[in-house]
PDB file of N, CA and C in Angstrom:
ATOM      1  N   LYS A   1      16.362 -15.514 -36.680  1.00  0.00           N
ATOM      2  CA  LYS A   1      17.464 -14.671 -36.804  1.00  0.00           C
ATOM      3  C   LYS A   1      17.028 -13.940 -38.028  1.00  0.00           C
ATOM      4  N   PRO A   2      17.555 -12.622 -38.057  1.00  0.00           N
ATOM      5  CA  PRO A   2      17.219 -11.650 -39.214  1.00  0.00           C
ATOM      6  C   PRO A   2      18.545 -11.983 -40.457  1.00  0.00           C
ATOM      7  N   MET A   3      18.215 -11.778 -41.596  1.00  0.00           N
ATOM      8  CA  MET A   3      19.049 -11.634 -42.499  1.00  0.00           C
ATOM      9  C   MET A   3      19.433 -10.408 -43.199  1.00  0.00           C
ATOM     10  N   GLY A   4      20.628 -10.080 -43.200  1.00  0.00           N
ATOM     11  CA  GLY A   4      20.956  -8.869 -43.491  1.00  0.00           C
ATOM     12  C   GLY A   4      21.552  -8.850 -44.829  1.00  0.00           C
ATOM     13  N   LEU A   5      20.842  -7.854 -45.593  1.00  0.00           N
ATOM     14  CA  LEU A   5      21.366  -7.678 -47.301  1.00  0.00           C
ATOM     15  C   LEU A   5      21.770  -6.161 -47.480  1.00  0.00           C
ATOM     16  N   LEU A   6      23.213  -6.389 -47.898  1.00  0.00           N
ATOM     17  CA  LEU A   6      23.434  -5.017 -48.369  1.00  0.00           C
ATOM     18  C   LEU A   6      23.441  -4.809 -49.811  1.00  0.00           C
ATOM     19  N   ASN A   7      22.249  -4.245 -49.939  1.00  0.00           N
ATOM     20  CA  ASN A   7      21.707  -3.906 -51.200  1.00  0.00           C
ATOM     21  C   ASN A   7      22.257  -2.702 -51.952  1.00  0.00           C
ATOM     22  N   VAL A   8      23.878  -2.941 -52.533  1.00  0.00           N
ATOM     23  CA  VAL A   8      24.277  -1.751 -53.387  1.00  0.00           C
ATOM     24  C   VAL A   8      23.735  -1.743 -54.540  1.00  0.00           C
ATOM     25  N   ASN A   9      23.609  -0.829 -55.127  1.00  0.00           N
ATOM     26  CA  ASN A   9      23.249  -0.475 -56.367  1.00  0.00           C
ATOM     27  C   ASN A   9      21.981  -1.221 -56.620  1.00  0.00           C
ATOM     28  N   GLY A  10      21.222  -1.915 -55.831  1.00  0.00           N
ATOM     29  CA  GLY A  10      19.721  -2.368 -55.986  1.00  0.00           C
ATOM     30  C   GLY A  10      20.099  -4.090 -56.465  1.00  0.00           C
ATOM     31  N   PHE A  11      21.268  -4.487 -55.830  1.00  0.00           N
ATOM     32  CA  PHE A  11      21.399  -5.705 -56.485  1.00  0.00           C
ATOM     33  C   PHE A  11      20.329  -7.036 -56.073  1.00  0.00           C
ATOM     34  N   TYR A  12      20.296  -6.482 -54.850  1.00  0.00           N
ATOM     35  CA  TYR A  12      19.128  -7.668 -54.192  1.00  0.00           C
ATOM     36  C   TYR A  12      17.614  -7.274 -54.384  1.00  0.00           C
ATOM     37  N   ASP A  13      17.253  -6.069 -55.096  1.00  0.00           N
ATOM     38  CA  ASP A  13      16.041  -5.583 -55.600  1.00  0.00           C
ATOM     39  C   ASP A  13      15.407  -6.939 -55.963  1.00  0.00           C
ATOM     40  N   PRO A  14      15.411  -7.529 -57.022  1.00  0.00           N
ATOM     41  CA  PRO A  14      14.609  -8.827 -57.615  1.00  0.00           C
ATOM     42  C   PRO A  14      14.543  -9.897 -56.555  1.00  0.00           C
ATOM     43  N   LEU A  15      15.392 -10.210 -55.241  1.00  0.00           N
ATOM     44  CA  LEU A  15      15.237 -11.004 -54.584  1.00  0.00           C
ATOM     45  C   LEU A  15      14.118 -10.503 -53.319  1.00  0.00           C
ATOM     46  N   LEU A  16      14.183  -9.172 -53.079  1.00  0.00           N
ATOM     47  CA  LEU A  16      13.157  -8.573 -52.158  1.00  0.00           C
ATOM     48  C   LEU A  16      11.552  -8.508 -52.937  1.00  0.00           C
ATOM     49  N   LYS A  17      11.702  -8.235 -54.346  1.00  0.00           N
ATOM     50  CA  LYS A  17      10.574  -8.186 -54.868  1.00  0.00           C
ATOM     51  C   LYS A  17      10.097  -9.560 -54.798  1.00  0.00           C
ATOM     52  N   LEU A  18      10.653 -10.834 -54.707  1.00  0.00           N
ATOM     53  CA  LEU A  18      10.382 -12.403 -54.949  1.00  0.00           C
ATOM     54  C   LEU A  18       9.677 -12.647 -53.481  1.00  0.00           C
ATOM     55  N   PHE A  19      10.443 -12.053 -52.365  1.00  0.00           N
ATOM     56  CA  PHE A  19      10.036 -12.338 -51.061  1.00  0.00           C
ATOM     57  C   PHE A  19       8.634 -11.636 -50.967  1.00  0.00           C
ATOM     58  N   ASP A  20       8.027 -10.513 -51.584  1.00  0.00           N
ATOM     59  CA  ASP A  20       7.248  -9.743 -51.461  1.00  0.00           C
ATOM     60  C   ASP A  20       6.031 -10.556 -52.099  1.00  0.00           C
ATOM     61  N   HIS A  21       6.277 -10.844 -53.365  1.00  0.00           N
ATOM     62  CA  HIS A  21       5.274 -11.971 -54.170  1.00  0.00           C
ATOM     63  C   HIS A  21       5.074 -12.799 -53.424  1.00  0.00           C
ATOM     64  N   ALA A  22       6.114 -13.598 -52.686  1.00  0.00           N
ATOM     65  CA  ALA A  22       5.585 -14.744 -52.011  1.00  0.00           C
ATOM     66  C   ALA A  22       4.820 -14.488 -50.850  1.00  0.00           C
ATOM     67  N   VAL A  23       4.652 -13.391 -50.197  1.00  0.00           N
ATOM     68  CA  VAL A  23       4.033 -12.849 -49.246  1.00  0.00           C
ATOM     69  C   VAL A  23       2.428 -12.547 -49.558  1.00  0.00           C
ATOM     70  N   GLY A  24       2.394 -12.168 -51.030  1.00  0.00           N
ATOM     71  CA  GLY A  24       1.190 -12.019 -51.625  1.00  0.00           C
ATOM     72  C   GLY A  24       0.305 -13.037 -51.993  1.00  0.00           C
ATOM     73  N   GLU A  25       1.116 -14.273 -52.364  1.00  0.00           N
ATOM     74  CA  GLU A  25       0.613 -15.311 -52.692  1.00  0.00           C
ATOM     75  C   GLU A  25       0.284 -16.533 -51.647  1.00  0.00           C
ATOM     76  N   GLY A  26       0.925 -15.916 -50.513  1.00  0.00           N
ATOM     77  CA  GLY A  26       0.511 -17.093 -49.436  1.00  0.00           C
ATOM     78  C   GLY A  26       1.632 -17.967 -48.882  1.00  0.00           C
ATOM     79  N   PHE A  27       2.812 -17.809 -49.913  1.00  0.00           N
ATOM     80  CA  PHE A  27       3.666 -18.705 -49.663  1.00  0.00           C
ATOM     81  C   PHE A  27       4.418 -18.366 -48.070  1.00  0.00           C
ATOM     82  N   LEU A  28       4.958 -17.431 -47.928  1.00  0.00           N
ATOM     83  CA  LEU A  28       5.447 -16.620 -46.968  1.00  0.00           C
ATOM     84  C   LEU A  28       4.724 -15.553 -45.876  1.00  0.00           C
ATOM     85  N   ARG A  29       4.734 -15.711 -44.592  1.00  0.00           N
ATOM     86  CA  ARG A  29       4.157 -15.044 -43.756  1.00  0.00           C
ATOM     87  C   ARG A  29       4.894 -13.557 -43.672  1.00  0.00           C
ATOM     88  N   PRO A  30       4.260 -12.490 -43.533  1.00  0.00           N
ATOM     89  CA  PRO A  30       4.713 -11.055 -43.663  1.00  0.00           C
ATOM     90  C   PRO A  30       5.925 -11.140 -42.462  1.00  0.00           C
ATOM     91  N   GLN A  31       5.150 -11.897 -41.278  1.00  0.00           N
ATOM     92  CA  GLN A  31       6.353 -11.846 -40.414  1.00  0.00           C
ATOM     93  C   GLN A  31       7.305 -12.455 -40.469  1.00  0.00           C
ATOM     94  N   ASN A  32       7.634 -13.345 -41.361  1.00  0.00           N
ATOM     95  CA  ASN A  32       8.960 -13.815 -41.845  1.00  0.00           C
ATOM     96  C   ASN A  32       9.684 -13.141 -42.900  1.00  0.00           C
ATOM     97  N   ARG A  33       8.870 -12.359 -43.747  1.00  0.00           N
ATOM     98  CA  ARG A  33       9.357 -11.529 -44.684  1.00  0.00           C
ATOM     99  C   ARG A  33      10.272 -10.284 -44.125  1.00  0.00           C
ATOM    100  N   VAL A  34       9.792 -10.014 -43.002  1.00  0.00           N
ATOM    101  CA  VAL A  34      10.610  -8.809 -42.591  1.00  0.00           C
ATOM    102  C   VAL A  34      11.657  -9.182 -41.831  1.00  0.00           C
ATOM    103  N   MET A  35      12.226 -10.488 -41.417  1.00  0.00           N
ATOM    104  CA  MET A  35      13.427 -10.986 -41.211  1.00  0.00           C
ATOM    105  C   MET A  35      14.516 -10.598 -42.364  1.00  0.00           C
ATOM    106  N   ALA A  36      14.222 -10.418 -43.523  1.00  0.00           N
ATOM    107  CA  ALA A  36      15.068 -10.050 -44.422  1.00  0.00           C
ATOM    108  C   ALA A  36      15.214  -8.685 -44.538  1.00  0.00           C
ATOM    109  N   LEU A  37      16.288  -8.032 -44.105  1.00  0.00           N
ATOM    110  CA  LEU A  37      16.733  -6.868 -43.608  1.00  0.00           C
ATOM    111  C   LEU A  37      17.631  -6.200 -44.746  1.00  0.00           C
ATOM    112  N   ALA A  38      17.191  -5.243 -45.562  1.00  0.00           N
ATOM    113  CA  ALA A  38      18.093  -4.712 -46.630  1.00  0.00           C
ATOM    114  C   ALA A  38      18.254  -3.298 -46.697  1.00  0.00           C
ATOM    115  N   ASP A  39      19.413  -2.645 -46.875  1.00  0.00           N
ATOM    116  CA  ASP A  39      19.684  -1.364 -46.682  1.00  0.00           C
ATOM    117  C   ASP A  39      20.957  -1.209 -47.485  1.00  0.00           C
ATOM    118  N   THR A  40      21.269  -0.010 -47.931  1.00  0.00           N
ATOM    119  CA  THR A  40      22.402   0.349 -48.640  1.00  0.00           C
ATOM    120  C   THR A  40      23.581   0.983 -48.079  1.00  0.00           C
ATOM    121  N   ASP A  41      23.158   1.352 -46.552  1.00  0.00           N
ATOM    122  CA  ASP A  41      24.384   1.521 -45.844  1.00  0.00           C
ATOM    123  C   ASP A  41      24.523   0.468 -44.859  1.00  0.00           C
ATOM    124  N   ILE A  42      25.879   0.143 -44.455  1.00  0.00           N
ATOM    125  CA  ILE A  42      26.127  -0.789 -43.767  1.00  0.00           C
ATOM    126  C   ILE A  42      25.732  -0.591 -42.132  1.00  0.00           C
ATOM    127  N   GLU A  43      26.041   0.611 -41.648  1.00  0.00           N
ATOM    128  CA  GLU A  43      25.975   0.967 -40.438  1.00  0.00           C
ATOM    129  C   GLU A  43      24.266   0.943 -40.066  1.00  0.00           C
ATOM    130  N   LYS A  44      23.649   1.512 -40.854  1.00  0.00           N
ATOM    131  CA  LYS A  44      22.319   1.398 -40.709  1.00  0.00           C
ATOM    132  C   LYS A  44      21.425  -0.217 -40.574  1.00  0.00           C
ATOM    133  N   LEU A  45      22.167  -1.043 -41.686  1.00  0.00           N
ATOM    134  CA  LEU A  45      21.837  -2.334 -41.625  1.00  0.00           C
ATOM    135  C   LEU A  45      22.025  -3.160 -40.552  1.00  0.00           C
ATOM    136  N   LEU A  46      23.285  -2.863 -39.838  1.00  0.00           N
ATOM    137  CA  LEU A  46      23.870  -3.648 -38.768  1.00  0.00           C
ATOM    138  C   LEU A  46      22.891  -2.894 -37.712  1.00  0.00           C
ATOM    139  N   ASP A  47      22.834  -1.726 -37.533  1.00  0.00           N
ATOM    140  CA  ASP A  47      21.632  -1.470 -36.299  1.00  0.00           C
ATOM    141  C   ASP A  47      20.740  -1.927 -36.481  1.00  0.00           C
ATOM    142  N   ALA A  48      19.862  -2.222 -37.391  1.00  0.00           N
ATOM    143  CA  ALA A  48      18.402  -2.904 -37.676  1.00  0.00           C
ATOM    144  C   ALA A  48      18.703  -4.051 -37.227  1.00  0.00           C
ATOM    145  N   MET A  49      20.025  -4.905 -37.574  1.00  0.00           N
ATOM    146  CA  MET A  49      19.718  -6.176 -37.468  1.00  0.00           C
ATOM    147  C   MET A  49      20.174  -6.413 -35.587  1.00  0.00           C
ATOM    148  N   ALA A  50      20.704  -5.547 -35.269  1.00  0.00           N
ATOM    149  CA  ALA A  50      21.199  -5.532 -33.357  1.00  0.00           C
ATOM    150  C   ALA A  50      19.435  -5.032 -32.944  1.00  0.00           C
ATOM    151  N   ALA A  51      18.493  -4.358 -33.823  1.00  0.00           N
ATOM    152  CA  ALA A  51      17.428  -3.943 -33.014  1.00  0.00           C
ATOM    153  C   ALA A  51      16.468  -5.163 -33.530  1.00  0.00           C
ATOM    154  N   TYR A  52      16.708  -5.877 -34.206  1.00  0.00           N
ATOM    155  CA  TYR A  52      15.442  -6.900 -34.504  1.00  0.00           C
ATOM    156  C   TYR A  52      14.958  -7.581 -33.602  1.00  0.00           C
ATOM    157  N   ARG A  53      13.712  -7.857 -33.554  1.00  0.00           N
ATOM    158  CA  ARG A  53      12.707  -8.499 -32.269  1.00  0.00           C
ATOM    159  C   ARG A  53      11.957  -9.520 -32.969  1.00  0.00           C
ATOM    160  N   PRO A  54      11.977 -10.847 -33.245  1.00  0.00           N
ATOM    161  CA  PRO A  54      11.044 -11.466 -33.878  1.00  0.00           C
ATOM    162  C   PRO A  54       9.620 -11.691 -33.363  1.00  0.00           C
ATOM    163  N   GLU A  55       8.768 -11.617 -34.281  1.00  0.00           N
ATOM    164  CA  GLU A  55       7.234 -11.860 -33.615  1.00  0.00           C
ATOM    165  C   GLU A  55       6.944 -13.539 -33.279  1.00  0.00           C
ATOM    166  N   ALA A  56       6.275 -13.684 -32.316  1.00  0.00           N
ATOM    167  CA  ALA A  56       6.067 -15.304 -32.336  1.00  0.00           C
ATOM    168  C   ALA A  56       4.815 -15.860 -33.415  1.00  0.00           C
ATOM    169  N   VAL A  57       5.236 -16.651 -34.184  1.00  0.00           N
ATOM    170  CA  VAL A  57       4.368 -17.040 -35.000  1.00  0.00           C
ATOM    171  C   VAL A  57       3.937 -18.347 -35.040  1.00  0.00           C
ATOM    172  N   SER A  58       3.023 -19.297 -35.313  1.00  0.00           N
ATOM    173  CA  SER A  58       2.865 -20.322 -35.378  1.00  0.00           C
ATOM    174  C   SER A  58       3.688 -21.332 -36.555  1.00  0.00           C
ATOM    175  N   LYS A  59       3.855 -22.325 -36.415  1.00  0.00           N
ATOM    176  CA  LYS A  59       4.901 -23.051 -37.209  1.00  0.00           C
ATOM    177  C   LYS A  59       4.252 -23.138 -38.680  1.00  0.00           C
ATOM    178  N   TRP A  60       2.975 -23.408 -38.843  1.00  0.00           N
ATOM    179  CA  TRP A  60       2.227 -24.027 -40.027  1.00  0.00           C
ATOM    180  C   TRP A  60       1.602 -22.229 -40.530  1.00  0.00           C
ATOM    181  N   LEU A  61       1.671 -22.340 -42.014  1.00  0.00           N
ATOM    182  CA  LEU A  61       0.815 -21.067 -42.406  1.00  0.00           C
ATOM    183  C   LEU A  61      -0.888 -21.228 -42.116  1.00  0.00           C
ATOM    184  N   LYS A  62      -1.383 -22.387 -42.009  1.00  0.00           N
ATOM    185  CA  LYS A  62      -2.797 -22.740 -41.790  1.00  0.00           C
ATOM    186  C   LYS A  62      -2.939 -23.607 -40.519  1.00  0.00           C
ATOM    187  N   GLU A  63      -3.714 -23.286 -39.543  1.00  0.00           N
ATOM    188  CA  GLU A  63      -3.583 -24.120 -38.565  1.00  0.00           C
ATOM    189  C   GLU A  63      -4.617 -25.184 -38.795  1.00  0.00           C
ATOM    190  N   GLU A  64      -4.055 -26.391 -38.596  1.00  0.00           N
ATOM    191  CA  GLU A  64      -5.045 -27.952 -38.824  1.00  0.00           C
ATOM    192  C   GLU A  64      -5.848 -27.924 -37.876  1.00  0.00           C
ATOM    193  N   LYS A  65      -6.943 -28.501 -38.042  1.00  0.00           N
ATOM    194  CA  LYS A  65      -8.183 -28.942 -37.262  1.00  0.00           C
ATOM    195  C   LYS A  65      -7.670 -30.167 -36.561  1.00  0.00           C
ATOM    196  N   GLN A  66      -8.115 -30.100 -35.315  1.00  0.00           N
ATOM    197  CA  GLN A  66      -7.678 -31.111 -34.425  1.00  0.00           C
ATOM    198  C   GLN A  66      -8.962 -32.444 -34.420  1.00  0.00           C
ATOM    199  N   LEU A  67      -8.841 -33.180 -34.931  1.00  0.00           N
ATOM    200  CA  LEU A  67      -9.862 -34.419 -34.942  1.00  0.00           C
ATOM    201  C   LEU A  67     -10.188 -34.917 -33.802  1.00  0.00           C
TER     202      LEU A  67
END
């Protein structure tokens, strides 16, 4: 499920940058990053949340080899 952030006056900008950094460092998948939806307009944010469709991804960041 998506998470909606009403980003008034850039309040959530540091959190969004943290998410982007986590993707860059390999701690968070890009497919999971897009679940954090942010907008300054509540109507646009609600529309984006209603339109969100998750991408199927593996549970693990790196697939483990079967022994």
